[in-house]
PDB file of N, CA and C in Angstrom:
ATOM      1  N   MET A   1      34.569 220.150 -62.175  1.00  0.00           N
ATOM      2  CA  MET A   1      34.254 218.951 -61.420  1.00  0.00           C
ATOM      3  C   MET A   1      35.340 217.918 -61.696  1.00  0.00           C
ATOM      4  N   SER A   2      35.841 217.273 -60.682  1.00  0.00           N
ATOM      5  CA  SER A   2      36.900 216.279 -60.862  1.00  0.00           C
ATOM      6  C   SER A   2      36.329 214.877 -60.699  1.00  0.00           C
ATOM      7  N   VAL A   3      37.100 213.907 -61.132  1.00  0.00           N
ATOM      8  CA  VAL A   3      36.687 212.519 -61.038  1.00  0.00           C
ATOM      9  C   VAL A   3      36.667 212.108 -59.567  1.00  0.00           C
ATOM     10  N   GLN A   4      35.621 211.471 -59.150  1.00  0.00           N
ATOM     11  CA  GLN A   4      35.481 211.038 -57.761  1.00  0.00           C
ATOM     12  C   GLN A   4      36.128 209.669 -57.564  1.00  0.00           C
ATOM     13  N   ALA A   5      36.509 209.371 -56.338  1.00  0.00           N
ATOM     14  CA  ALA A   5      37.165 208.103 -56.030  1.00  0.00           C
ATOM     15  C   ALA A   5      36.183 206.946 -56.055  1.00  0.00           C
ATOM     16  N   THR A   6      34.912 207.233 -55.939  1.00  0.00           N
ATOM     17  CA  THR A   6      33.903 206.178 -55.957  1.00  0.00           C
ATOM     18  C   THR A   6      33.345 206.032 -57.358  1.00  0.00           C
ATOM     19  N   ALA A   7      32.574 204.991 -57.567  1.00  0.00           N
ATOM     20  CA  ALA A   7      31.989 204.741 -58.874  1.00  0.00           C
ATOM     21  C   ALA A   7      31.057 205.875 -59.256  1.00  0.00           C
ATOM     22  N   GLY A   8      31.105 206.274 -60.509  1.00  0.00           N
ATOM     23  CA  GLY A   8      30.276 207.359 -61.007  1.00  0.00           C
ATOM     24  C   GLY A   8      29.059 206.833 -61.729  1.00  0.00           C
ATOM     25  N   PRO A   9      28.438 207.696 -62.551  1.00  0.00           N
ATOM     26  CA  PRO A   9      27.200 207.351 -63.229  1.00  0.00           C
ATOM     27  C   PRO A   9      27.273 206.066 -64.046  1.00  0.00           C
ATOM     28  N   GLY A  10      28.385 205.799 -64.687  1.00  0.00           N
ATOM     29  CA  GLY A  10      28.510 204.586 -65.488  1.00  0.00           C
ATOM     30  C   GLY A  10      29.027 203.413 -64.685  1.00  0.00           C
ATOM     31  N   GLY A  11      29.161 203.575 -63.365  1.00  0.00           N
ATOM     32  CA  GLY A  11      29.694 202.510 -62.533  1.00  0.00           C
ATOM     33  C   GLY A  11      31.200 202.397 -62.626  1.00  0.00           C
ATOM     34  N   VAL A  12      31.823 203.397 -63.224  1.00  0.00           N
ATOM     35  CA  VAL A  12      33.267 203.383 -63.423  1.00  0.00           C
ATOM     36  C   VAL A  12      33.906 204.258 -62.353  1.00  0.00           C
ATOM     37  N   GLY A  13      34.812 203.693 -61.567  1.00  0.00           N
ATOM     38  CA  GLY A  13      35.470 204.432 -60.491  1.00  0.00           C
ATOM     39  C   GLY A  13      36.788 205.019 -60.916  1.00  0.00           C
ATOM     40  N   ARG A  14      37.421 205.714 -59.991  1.00  0.00           N
ATOM     41  CA  ARG A  14      38.693 206.383 -60.260  1.00  0.00           C
ATOM     42  C   ARG A  14      39.769 205.404 -60.726  1.00  0.00           C
ATOM     43  N   ALA A  15      39.817 204.223 -60.125  1.00  0.00           N
ATOM     44  CA  ALA A  15      40.839 203.240 -60.517  1.00  0.00           C
ATOM     45  C   ALA A  15      40.708 202.861 -61.991  1.00  0.00           C
ATOM     46  N   GLU A  16      39.486 202.714 -62.463  1.00  0.00           N
ATOM     47  CA  GLU A  16      39.271 202.386 -63.868  1.00  0.00           C
ATOM     48  C   GLU A  16      39.692 203.540 -64.765  1.00  0.00           C
ATOM     49  N   HIS A  17      39.410 204.780 -64.324  1.00  0.00           N
ATOM     50  CA  HIS A  17      39.842 205.951 -65.096  1.00  0.00           C
ATOM     51  C   HIS A  17      41.363 205.994 -65.167  1.00  0.00           C
ATOM     52  N   GLU A  18      42.018 205.743 -64.037  1.00  0.00           N
ATOM     53  CA  GLU A  18      43.482 205.756 -64.013  1.00  0.00           C
ATOM     54  C   GLU A  18      44.054 204.673 -64.914  1.00  0.00           C
ATOM     55  N   THR A  19      43.452 203.505 -64.912  1.00  0.00           N
ATOM     56  CA  THR A  19      43.926 202.409 -65.770  1.00  0.00           C
ATOM     57  C   THR A  19      43.800 202.789 -67.235  1.00  0.00           C
ATOM     58  N   ARG A  20      42.691 203.400 -67.601  1.00  0.00           N
ATOM     59  CA  ARG A  20      42.479 203.814 -68.994  1.00  0.00           C
ATOM     60  C   ARG A  20      43.485 204.894 -69.383  1.00  0.00           C
ATOM     61  N   VAL A  21      43.653 205.891 -68.536  1.00  0.00           N
ATOM     62  CA  VAL A  21      44.580 206.984 -68.831  1.00  0.00           C
ATOM     63  C   VAL A  21      46.019 206.460 -68.876  1.00  0.00           C
ATOM     64  N   LEU A  22      46.384 205.541 -67.973  1.00  0.00           N
ATOM     65  CA  LEU A  22      47.720 204.943 -68.009  1.00  0.00           C
ATOM     66  C   LEU A  22      47.958 204.272 -69.360  1.00  0.00           C
ATOM     67  N   GLY A  23      46.979 203.563 -69.875  1.00  0.00           N
ATOM     68  CA  GLY A  23      47.112 202.938 -71.191  1.00  0.00           C
ATOM     69  C   GLY A  23      47.326 203.962 -72.294  1.00  0.00           C
ATOM     70  N   GLU A  24      46.583 205.062 -72.223  1.00  0.00           N
ATOM     71  CA  GLU A  24      46.713 206.112 -73.240  1.00  0.00           C
ATOM     72  C   GLU A  24      48.068 206.810 -73.151  1.00  0.00           C
ATOM     73  N   VAL A  25      48.505 207.125 -71.936  1.00  0.00           N
ATOM     74  CA  VAL A  25      49.803 207.775 -71.755  1.00  0.00           C
ATOM     75  C   VAL A  25      50.931 206.828 -72.174  1.00  0.00           C
ATOM     76  N   SER A  26      50.805 205.561 -71.840  1.00  0.00           N
ATOM     77  CA  SER A  26      51.823 204.569 -72.239  1.00  0.00           C
ATOM     78  C   SER A  26      51.925 204.482 -73.755  1.00  0.00           C
ATOM     79  N   GLU A  27      50.789 204.476 -74.421  1.00  0.00           N
ATOM     80  CA  GLU A  27      50.768 204.439 -75.885  1.00  0.00           C
ATOM     81  C   GLU A  27      51.483 205.663 -76.462  1.00  0.00           C
ATOM     82  N   ASP A  28      51.167 206.840 -75.915  1.00  0.00           N
ATOM     83  CA  ASP A  28      51.825 208.063 -76.386  1.00  0.00           C
ATOM     84  C   ASP A  28      53.327 208.017 -76.134  1.00  0.00           C
ATOM     85  N   LEU A  29      53.731 207.560 -74.956  1.00  0.00           N
ATOM     86  CA  LEU A  29      55.154 207.486 -74.632  1.00  0.00           C
ATOM     87  C   LEU A  29      55.897 206.545 -75.571  1.00  0.00           C
ATOM     88  N   ARG A  30      55.308 205.402 -75.881  1.00  0.00           N
ATOM     89  CA  ARG A  30      55.960 204.453 -76.795  1.00  0.00           C
ATOM     90  C   ARG A  30      56.166 205.089 -78.168  1.00  0.00           C
ATOM     91  N   GLU A  31      55.158 205.820 -78.635  1.00  0.00           N
ATOM     92  CA  GLU A  31      55.269 206.478 -79.938  1.00  0.00           C
ATOM     93  C   GLU A  31      56.303 207.597 -79.913  1.00  0.00           C
ATOM     94  N   ILE A  32      56.339 208.358 -78.825  1.00  0.00           N
ATOM     95  CA  ILE A  32      57.275 209.479 -78.706  1.00  0.00           C
ATOM     96  C   ILE A  32      58.717 208.982 -78.610  1.00  0.00           C
ATOM     97  N   ILE A  33      58.947 208.010 -77.744  1.00  0.00           N
ATOM     98  CA  ILE A  33      60.314 207.512 -77.527  1.00  0.00           C
ATOM     99  C   ILE A  33      60.783 206.733 -78.744  1.00  0.00           C
ATOM    100  N   GLY A  34      59.930 205.849 -79.248  1.00  0.00           N
ATOM    101  CA  GLY A  34      60.220 205.140 -80.476  1.00  0.00           C
ATOM    102  C   GLY A  34      61.363 204.153 -80.429  1.00  0.00           C
ATOM    103  N   GLU A  35      61.989 203.989 -79.295  1.00  0.00           N
ATOM    104  CA  GLU A  35      63.109 203.061 -79.183  1.00  0.00           C
ATOM    105  C   GLU A  35      62.581 201.644 -78.992  1.00  0.00           C
ATOM    106  N   GLU A  36      63.281 200.684 -79.522  1.00  0.00           N
ATOM    107  CA  GLU A  36      62.847 199.293 -79.467  1.00  0.00           C
ATOM    108  C   GLU A  36      62.684 198.783 -78.034  1.00  0.00           C
ATOM    109  N   TYR A  37      63.576 199.211 -77.131  1.00  0.00           N
ATOM    110  CA  TYR A  37      63.515 198.700 -75.757  1.00  0.00           C
ATOM    111  C   TYR A  37      62.226 199.089 -75.048  1.00  0.00           C
ATOM    112  N   VAL A  38      61.619 200.191 -75.439  1.00  0.00           N
ATOM    113  CA  VAL A  38      60.417 200.646 -74.744  1.00  0.00           C
ATOM    114  C   VAL A  38      59.144 200.036 -75.335  1.00  0.00           C
ATOM    115  N   ILE A  39      59.203 199.507 -76.519  1.00  0.00           N
ATOM    116  CA  ILE A  39      58.024 198.942 -77.185  1.00  0.00           C
ATOM    117  C   ILE A  39      57.412 197.822 -76.351  1.00  0.00           C
ATOM    118  N   ASP A  40      58.236 196.939 -75.818  1.00  0.00           N
ATOM    119  CA  ASP A  40      57.735 195.813 -75.036  1.00  0.00           C
ATOM    120  C   ASP A  40      57.779 196.068 -73.528  1.00  0.00           C
ATOM    121  N   MET A  41      58.218 197.260 -73.131  1.00  0.00           N
ATOM    122  CA  MET A  41      58.330 197.586 -71.713  1.00  0.00           C
ATOM    123  C   MET A  41      56.949 197.750 -71.094  1.00  0.00           C
ATOM    124  N   ASP A  42      56.814 197.257 -69.875  1.00  0.00           N
ATOM    125  CA  ASP A  42      55.586 197.461 -69.118  1.00  0.00           C
ATOM    126  C   ASP A  42      55.698 198.821 -68.442  1.00  0.00           C
ATOM    127  N   ILE A  43      55.002 199.808 -68.986  1.00  0.00           N
ATOM    128  CA  ILE A  43      55.015 201.139 -68.386  1.00  0.00           C
ATOM    129  C   ILE A  43      53.950 201.155 -67.305  1.00  0.00           C
ATOM    130  N   ALA A  44      54.397 201.328 -66.065  1.00  0.00           N
ATOM    131  CA  ALA A  44      53.502 201.258 -64.911  1.00  0.00           C
ATOM    132  C   ALA A  44      53.438 202.618 -64.219  1.00  0.00           C
ATOM    133  N   MET A  45      52.539 202.718 -63.246  1.00  0.00           N
ATOM    134  CA  MET A  45      52.387 203.952 -62.483  1.00  0.00           C
ATOM    135  C   MET A  45      53.713 204.331 -61.816  1.00  0.00           C
ATOM    136  N   GLU A  46      54.522 203.337 -61.434  1.00  0.00           N
ATOM    137  CA  GLU A  46      55.784 203.580 -60.732  1.00  0.00           C
ATOM    138  C   GLU A  46      56.953 203.863 -61.663  1.00  0.00           C
ATOM    139  N   SER A  47      56.756 203.716 -62.973  1.00  0.00           N
ATOM    140  CA  SER A  47      57.838 203.961 -63.929  1.00  0.00           C
ATOM    141  C   SER A  47      58.260 205.422 -63.864  1.00  0.00           C
ATOM    142  N   THR A  48      59.570 205.643 -63.849  1.00  0.00           N
ATOM    143  CA  THR A  48      60.069 207.016 -63.833  1.00  0.00           C
ATOM    144  C   THR A  48      60.410 207.457 -65.254  1.00  0.00           C
ATOM    145  N   PHE A  49      60.203 208.738 -65.494  1.00  0.00           N
ATOM    146  CA  PHE A  49      60.495 209.273 -66.820  1.00  0.00           C
ATOM    147  C   PHE A  49      61.993 209.300 -67.100  1.00  0.00           C
ATOM    148  N   SER A  50      62.797 209.641 -66.101  1.00  0.00           N
ATOM    149  CA  SER A  50      64.230 209.788 -66.350  1.00  0.00           C
ATOM    150  C   SER A  50      64.981 208.470 -66.288  1.00  0.00           C
ATOM    151  N   HIS A  51      64.743 207.664 -65.252  1.00  0.00           N
ATOM    152  CA  HIS A  51      65.532 206.442 -65.083  1.00  0.00           C
ATOM    153  C   HIS A  51      64.982 205.262 -65.886  1.00  0.00           C
ATOM    154  N   ASP A  52      63.693 205.000 -65.790  1.00  0.00           N
ATOM    155  CA  ASP A  52      63.122 203.836 -66.488  1.00  0.00           C
ATOM    156  C   ASP A  52      62.932 204.092 -67.983  1.00  0.00           C
ATOM    157  N   LEU A  53      62.366 205.247 -68.322  1.00  0.00           N
ATOM    158  CA  LEU A  53      62.040 205.539 -69.720  1.00  0.00           C
ATOM    159  C   LEU A  53      63.117 206.357 -70.428  1.00  0.00           C
ATOM    160  N   GLU A  54      64.039 206.934 -69.636  1.00  0.00           N
ATOM    161  CA  GLU A  54      65.134 207.749 -70.179  1.00  0.00           C
ATOM    162  C   GLU A  54      64.619 208.831 -71.123  1.00  0.00           C
ATOM    163  N   LEU A  55      63.545 209.514 -70.709  1.00  0.00           N
ATOM    164  CA  LEU A  55      62.922 210.557 -71.516  1.00  0.00           C
ATOM    165  C   LEU A  55      63.825 211.786 -71.589  1.00  0.00           C
ATOM    166  N   GLU A  56      64.044 212.287 -72.781  1.00  0.00           N
ATOM    167  CA  GLU A  56      64.825 213.505 -73.021  1.00  0.00           C
ATOM    168  C   GLU A  56      63.893 214.713 -72.924  1.00  0.00           C
ATOM    169  N   SER A  57      64.453 215.891 -72.752  1.00  0.00           N
ATOM    170  CA  SER A  57      63.632 217.098 -72.607  1.00  0.00           C
ATOM    171  C   SER A  57      62.761 217.348 -73.837  1.00  0.00           C
ATOM    172  N   ILE A  58      63.280 217.089 -75.023  1.00  0.00           N
ATOM    173  CA  ILE A  58      62.481 217.286 -76.235  1.00  0.00           C
ATOM    174  C   ILE A  58      61.296 216.317 -76.263  1.00  0.00           C
ATOM    175  N   GLU A  59      61.473 215.148 -75.660  1.00  0.00           N
ATOM    176  CA  GLU A  59      60.377 214.177 -75.594  1.00  0.00           C
ATOM    177  C   GLU A  59      59.311 214.626 -74.592  1.00  0.00           C
ATOM    178  N   PHE A  60      59.708 215.354 -73.545  1.00  0.00           N
ATOM    179  CA  PHE A  60      58.731 215.940 -72.623  1.00  0.00           C
ATOM    180  C   PHE A  60      57.859 216.935 -73.374  1.00  0.00           C
ATOM    181  N   VAL A  61      58.469 217.718 -74.257  1.00  0.00           N
ATOM    182  CA  VAL A  61      57.721 218.685 -75.060  1.00  0.00           C
ATOM    183  C   VAL A  61      56.729 217.945 -75.964  1.00  0.00           C
ATOM    184  N   ALA A  62      57.189 216.872 -76.577  1.00  0.00           N
ATOM    185  CA  ALA A  62      56.302 216.077 -77.428  1.00  0.00           C
ATOM    186  C   ALA A  62      55.161 215.465 -76.619  1.00  0.00           C
ATOM    187  N   LEU A  63      55.456 215.025 -75.396  1.00  0.00           N
ATOM    188  CA  LEU A  63      54.411 214.472 -74.532  1.00  0.00           C
ATOM    189  C   LEU A  63      53.381 215.546 -74.201  1.00  0.00           C
ATOM    190  N   ALA A  64      53.825 216.747 -73.883  1.00  0.00           N
ATOM    191  CA  ALA A  64      52.906 217.851 -73.591  1.00  0.00           C
ATOM    192  C   ALA A  64      51.985 218.106 -74.781  1.00  0.00           C
ATOM    193  N   ASP A  65      52.547 218.077 -75.994  1.00  0.00           N
ATOM    194  CA  ASP A  65      51.734 218.268 -77.206  1.00  0.00           C
ATOM    195  C   ASP A  65      50.707 217.152 -77.363  1.00  0.00           C
ATOM    196  N   ARG A  66      51.138 215.921 -77.148  1.00  0.00           N
ATOM    197  CA  ARG A  66      50.222 214.780 -77.268  1.00  0.00           C
ATOM    198  C   ARG A  66      49.083 214.857 -76.258  1.00  0.00           C
ATOM    199  N   LEU A  67      49.423 215.223 -75.031  1.00  0.00           N
ATOM    200  CA  LEU A  67      48.400 215.312 -73.990  1.00  0.00           C
ATOM    201  C   LEU A  67      47.396 216.415 -74.318  1.00  0.00           C
ATOM    202  N   ARG A  68      47.880 217.529 -74.849  1.00  0.00           N
ATOM    203  CA  ARG A  68      46.980 218.612 -75.243  1.00  0.00           C
ATOM    204  C   ARG A  68      46.067 218.163 -76.379  1.00  0.00           C
ATOM    205  N   GLU A  69      46.617 217.447 -77.349  1.00  0.00           N
ATOM    206  CA  GLU A  69      45.812 216.939 -78.463  1.00  0.00           C
ATOM    207  C   GLU A  69      44.765 215.939 -77.987  1.00  0.00           C
ATOM    208  N   ARG A  70      45.168 215.054 -77.086  1.00  0.00           N
ATOM    209  CA  ARG A  70      44.281 213.983 -76.627  1.00  0.00           C
ATOM    210  C   ARG A  70      43.207 214.479 -75.665  1.00  0.00           C
ATOM    211  N   TYR A  71      43.590 215.341 -74.727  1.00  0.00           N
ATOM    212  CA  TYR A  71      42.677 215.716 -73.641  1.00  0.00           C
ATOM    213  C   TYR A  71      42.183 217.152 -73.704  1.00  0.00           C
ATOM    214  N   GLY A  72      42.753 217.966 -74.583  1.00  0.00           N
ATOM    215  CA  GLY A  72      42.319 219.354 -74.682  1.00  0.00           C
ATOM    216  C   GLY A  72      42.963 220.240 -73.633  1.00  0.00           C
ATOM    217  N   GLU A  73      42.446 221.432 -73.546  1.00  0.00           N
ATOM    218  CA  GLU A  73      43.023 222.449 -72.662  1.00  0.00           C
ATOM    219  C   GLU A  73      42.803 222.154 -71.175  1.00  0.00           C
ATOM    220  N   ALA A  74      41.900 221.230 -70.848  1.00  0.00           N
ATOM    221  CA  ALA A  74      41.634 220.899 -69.438  1.00  0.00           C
ATOM    222  C   ALA A  74      42.879 220.329 -68.765  1.00  0.00           C
ATOM    223  N   VAL A  75      43.756 219.701 -69.550  1.00  0.00           N
ATOM    224  CA  VAL A  75      44.975 219.097 -68.999  1.00  0.00           C
ATOM    225  C   VAL A  75      46.157 219.986 -69.379  1.00  0.00           C
ATOM    226  N   ASP A  76      46.549 220.848 -68.447  1.00  0.00           N
ATOM    227  CA  ASP A  76      47.650 221.786 -68.659  1.00  0.00           C
ATOM    228  C   ASP A  76      48.941 221.166 -68.126  1.00  0.00           C
ATOM    229  N   PHE A  77      49.540 220.285 -68.924  1.00  0.00           N
ATOM    230  CA  PHE A  77      50.745 219.573 -68.514  1.00  0.00           C
ATOM    231  C   PHE A  77      51.903 220.534 -68.275  1.00  0.00           C
ATOM    232  N   VAL A  78      52.034 221.543 -69.120  1.00  0.00           N
ATOM    233  CA  VAL A  78      53.110 222.519 -68.947  1.00  0.00           C
ATOM    234  C   VAL A  78      52.924 223.260 -67.628  1.00  0.00           C
ATOM    235  N   GLY A  79      51.691 223.647 -67.316  1.00  0.00           N
ATOM    236  CA  GLY A  79      51.414 224.302 -66.036  1.00  0.00           C
ATOM    237  C   GLY A  79      51.711 223.388 -64.859  1.00  0.00           C
ATOM    238  N   PHE A  80      51.392 222.110 -65.015  1.00  0.00           N
ATOM    239  CA  PHE A  80      51.666 221.100 -63.997  1.00  0.00           C
ATOM    240  C   PHE A  80      53.170 221.010 -63.737  1.00  0.00           C
ATOM    241  N   LEU A  81      53.958 220.948 -64.802  1.00  0.00           N
ATOM    242  CA  LEU A  81      55.417 220.881 -64.665  1.00  0.00           C
ATOM    243  C   LEU A  81      55.981 222.163 -64.055  1.00  0.00           C
ATOM    244  N   ALA A  82      55.355 223.285 -64.349  1.00  0.00           N
ATOM    245  CA  ALA A  82      55.845 224.571 -63.851  1.00  0.00           C
ATOM    246  C   ALA A  82      55.739 224.685 -62.332  1.00  0.00           C
ATOM    247  N   THR A  83      54.902 223.854 -61.709  1.00  0.00           N
ATOM    248  CA  THR A  83      54.762 223.895 -60.246  1.00  0.00           C
ATOM    249  C   THR A  83      55.859 223.102 -59.547  1.00  0.00           C
ATOM    250  N   MET A  84      56.706 222.421 -60.316  1.00  0.00           N
ATOM    251  CA  MET A  84      57.729 221.535 -59.743  1.00  0.00           C
ATOM    252  C   MET A  84      59.116 222.135 -59.870  1.00  0.00           C
ATOM    253  N   ASP A  85      59.996 221.706 -58.962  1.00  0.00           N
ATOM    254  CA  ASP A  85      61.398 222.072 -59.127  1.00  0.00           C
ATOM    255  C   ASP A  85      62.071 221.001 -59.990  1.00  0.00           C
ATOM    256  N   VAL A  86      63.308 221.244 -60.347  1.00  0.00           N
ATOM    257  CA  VAL A  86      64.029 220.357 -61.265  1.00  0.00           C
ATOM    258  C   VAL A  86      64.100 218.926 -60.729  1.00  0.00           C
ATOM    259  N   ASP A  87      64.388 218.766 -59.447  1.00  0.00           N
ATOM    260  CA  ASP A  87      64.484 217.420 -58.870  1.00  0.00           C
ATOM    261  C   ASP A  87      63.159 216.671 -58.950  1.00  0.00           C
ATOM    262  N   GLN A  88      62.058 217.378 -58.742  1.00  0.00           N
ATOM    263  CA  GLN A  88      60.743 216.732 -58.828  1.00  0.00           C
ATOM    264  C   GLN A  88      60.466 216.259 -60.254  1.00  0.00           C
ATOM    265  N   VAL A  89      60.809 217.068 -61.224  1.00  0.00           N
ATOM    266  CA  VAL A  89      60.599 216.682 -62.627  1.00  0.00           C
ATOM    267  C   VAL A  89      61.481 215.489 -62.978  1.00  0.00           C
ATOM    268  N   ILE A  90      62.732 215.529 -62.553  1.00  0.00           N
ATOM    269  CA  ILE A  90      63.665 214.442 -62.861  1.00  0.00           C
ATOM    270  C   ILE A  90      63.190 213.117 -62.256  1.00  0.00           C
ATOM    271  N   ASN A  91      62.625 213.173 -61.064  1.00  0.00           N
ATOM    272  CA  ASN A  91      62.197 211.958 -60.366  1.00  0.00           C
ATOM    273  C   ASN A  91      60.716 211.622 -60.549  1.00  0.00           C
ATOM    274  N   MET A  92      60.036 212.328 -61.410  1.00  0.00           N
ATOM    275  CA  MET A  92      58.600 212.134 -61.604  1.00  0.00           C
ATOM    276  C   MET A  92      58.280 210.740 -62.154  1.00  0.00           C
ATOM    277  N   GLN A  93      57.197 210.193 -61.634  1.00  0.00           N
ATOM    278  CA  GLN A  93      56.707 208.890 -62.086  1.00  0.00           C
ATOM    279  C   GLN A  93      55.512 209.072 -63.016  1.00  0.00           C
ATOM    280  N   VAL A  94      55.297 208.105 -63.873  1.00  0.00           N
ATOM    281  CA  VAL A  94      54.173 208.125 -64.803  1.00  0.00           C
ATOM    282  C   VAL A  94      52.853 208.287 -64.039  1.00  0.00           C
ATOM    283  N   GLY A  95      52.740 207.640 -62.892  1.00  0.00           N
ATOM    284  CA  GLY A  95      51.522 207.716 -62.094  1.00  0.00           C
ATOM    285  C   GLY A  95      51.159 209.126 -61.672  1.00  0.00           C
ATOM    286  N   GLU A  96      52.152 209.971 -61.440  1.00  0.00           N
ATOM    287  CA  GLU A  96      51.870 211.361 -61.084  1.00  0.00           C
ATOM    288  C   GLU A  96      51.160 212.076 -62.230  1.00  0.00           C
ATOM    289  N   VAL A  97      51.601 211.806 -63.456  1.00  0.00           N
ATOM    290  CA  VAL A  97      50.974 212.414 -64.626  1.00  0.00           C
ATOM    291  C   VAL A  97      49.573 211.840 -64.821  1.00  0.00           C
ATOM    292  N   VAL A  98      49.434 210.535 -64.656  1.00  0.00           N
ATOM    293  CA  VAL A  98      48.121 209.891 -64.805  1.00  0.00           C
ATOM    294  C   VAL A  98      47.123 210.477 -63.806  1.00  0.00           C
ATOM    295  N   ARG A  99      47.527 210.581 -62.544  1.00  0.00           N
ATOM    296  CA  ARG A  99      46.626 211.141 -61.530  1.00  0.00           C
ATOM    297  C   ARG A  99      46.292 212.602 -61.818  1.00  0.00           C
ATOM    298  N   PHE A 100      47.274 213.357 -62.325  1.00  0.00           N
ATOM    299  CA  PHE A 100      47.025 214.748 -62.703  1.00  0.00           C
ATOM    300  C   PHE A 100      45.973 214.814 -63.817  1.00  0.00           C
ATOM    301  N   ILE A 101      46.121 213.977 -64.821  1.00  0.00           N
ATOM    302  CA  ILE A 101      45.168 213.969 -65.940  1.00  0.00           C
ATOM    303  C   ILE A 101      43.771 213.623 -65.444  1.00  0.00           C
ATOM    304  N   VAL A 102      43.655 212.549 -64.675  1.00  0.00           N
ATOM    305  CA  VAL A 102      42.346 212.113 -64.170  1.00  0.00           C
ATOM    306  C   VAL A 102      41.705 213.214 -63.336  1.00  0.00           C
ATOM    307  N   SER A 103      42.480 213.880 -62.499  1.00  0.00           N
ATOM    308  CA  SER A 103      41.913 214.930 -61.652  1.00  0.00           C
ATOM    309  C   SER A 103      41.574 216.187 -62.446  1.00  0.00           C
ATOM    310  N   SER A 104      42.188 216.377 -63.616  1.00  0.00           N
ATOM    311  CA  SER A 104      41.934 217.558 -64.439  1.00  0.00           C
ATOM    312  C   SER A 104      40.695 217.426 -65.312  1.00  0.00           C
ATOM    313  N   LEU A 105      40.355 216.204 -65.664  1.00  0.00           N
ATOM    314  CA  LEU A 105      39.226 215.985 -66.581  1.00  0.00           C
ATOM    315  C   LEU A 105      37.913 215.888 -65.830  1.00  0.00           C
ATOM    316  N   PRO A 106      36.848 216.424 -66.422  1.00  0.00           N
ATOM    317  CA  PRO A 106      35.524 216.234 -65.807  1.00  0.00           C
ATOM    318  C   PRO A 106      35.173 214.745 -65.804  1.00  0.00           C
ATOM    319  N   ALA A 107      34.402 214.314 -64.833  1.00  0.00           N
ATOM    320  CA  ALA A 107      34.016 212.904 -64.704  1.00  0.00           C
ATOM    321  C   ALA A 107      33.342 212.413 -65.980  1.00  0.00           C
ATOM    322  N   THR A 108      32.541 213.244 -66.606  1.00  0.00           N
ATOM    323  CA  THR A 108      31.834 212.823 -67.812  1.00  0.00           C
ATOM    324  C   THR A 108      32.802 212.585 -68.968  1.00  0.00           C
ATOM    325  N   ALA A 109      33.920 213.312 -68.997  1.00  0.00           N
ATOM    326  CA  ALA A 109      34.898 213.136 -70.073  1.00  0.00           C
ATOM    327  C   ALA A 109      35.614 211.810 -69.948  1.00  0.00           C
ATOM    328  N   THR A 110      35.965 211.410 -68.726  1.00  0.00           N
ATOM    329  CA  THR A 110      36.692 210.152 -68.561  1.00  0.00           C
ATOM    330  C   THR A 110      35.745 208.970 -68.579  1.00  0.00           C
ATOM    331  N   ALA A 111      34.507 209.153 -68.119  1.00  0.00           N
ATOM    332  CA  ALA A 111      33.562 208.047 -68.089  1.00  0.00           C
ATOM    333  C   ALA A 111      33.173 207.596 -69.485  1.00  0.00           C
ATOM    334  N   GLY A 112      33.164 208.542 -70.420  1.00  0.00           N
ATOM    335  CA  GLY A 112      32.742 208.198 -71.768  1.00  0.00           C
ATOM    336  C   GLY A 112      33.857 207.752 -72.683  1.00  0.00           C
ATOM    337  N   ARG A 113      35.104 207.790 -72.233  1.00  0.00           N
ATOM    338  CA  ARG A 113      36.248 207.420 -73.080  1.00  0.00           C
ATOM    339  C   ARG A 113      36.307 205.909 -73.268  1.00  0.00           C
ATOM    340  N   ARG A 114      36.640 205.469 -74.406  1.00  0.00           N
ATOM    341  CA  ARG A 114      36.795 204.046 -74.722  1.00  0.00           C
ATOM    342  C   ARG A 114      38.128 203.792 -75.353  1.00  0.00           C
TER     343      ARG A 114
END
């Protein structure tokens, strides 16, 4: 079951789930990158991994590990990346990952997250 676009049992809609997941992914990215310039950066849905965040391939691997630790096997980030060609990965935005995570998690998993 995927997260619905309308408000669910707790009155929390998809936009709220995306906002929460964006915060979690941003936190992970700041820790992974560790560079001073990214600490105060506003990581938004439109932020690109290659141009805005300058993410290296080893950092993508670290992000995949973090996402697996945080969300479990329901979020197959490596499988998600495997569906893309090189240009798509290079131009990928944070929002694409956030939407993938939200759509991968059951509604009850995202509704109960704090």
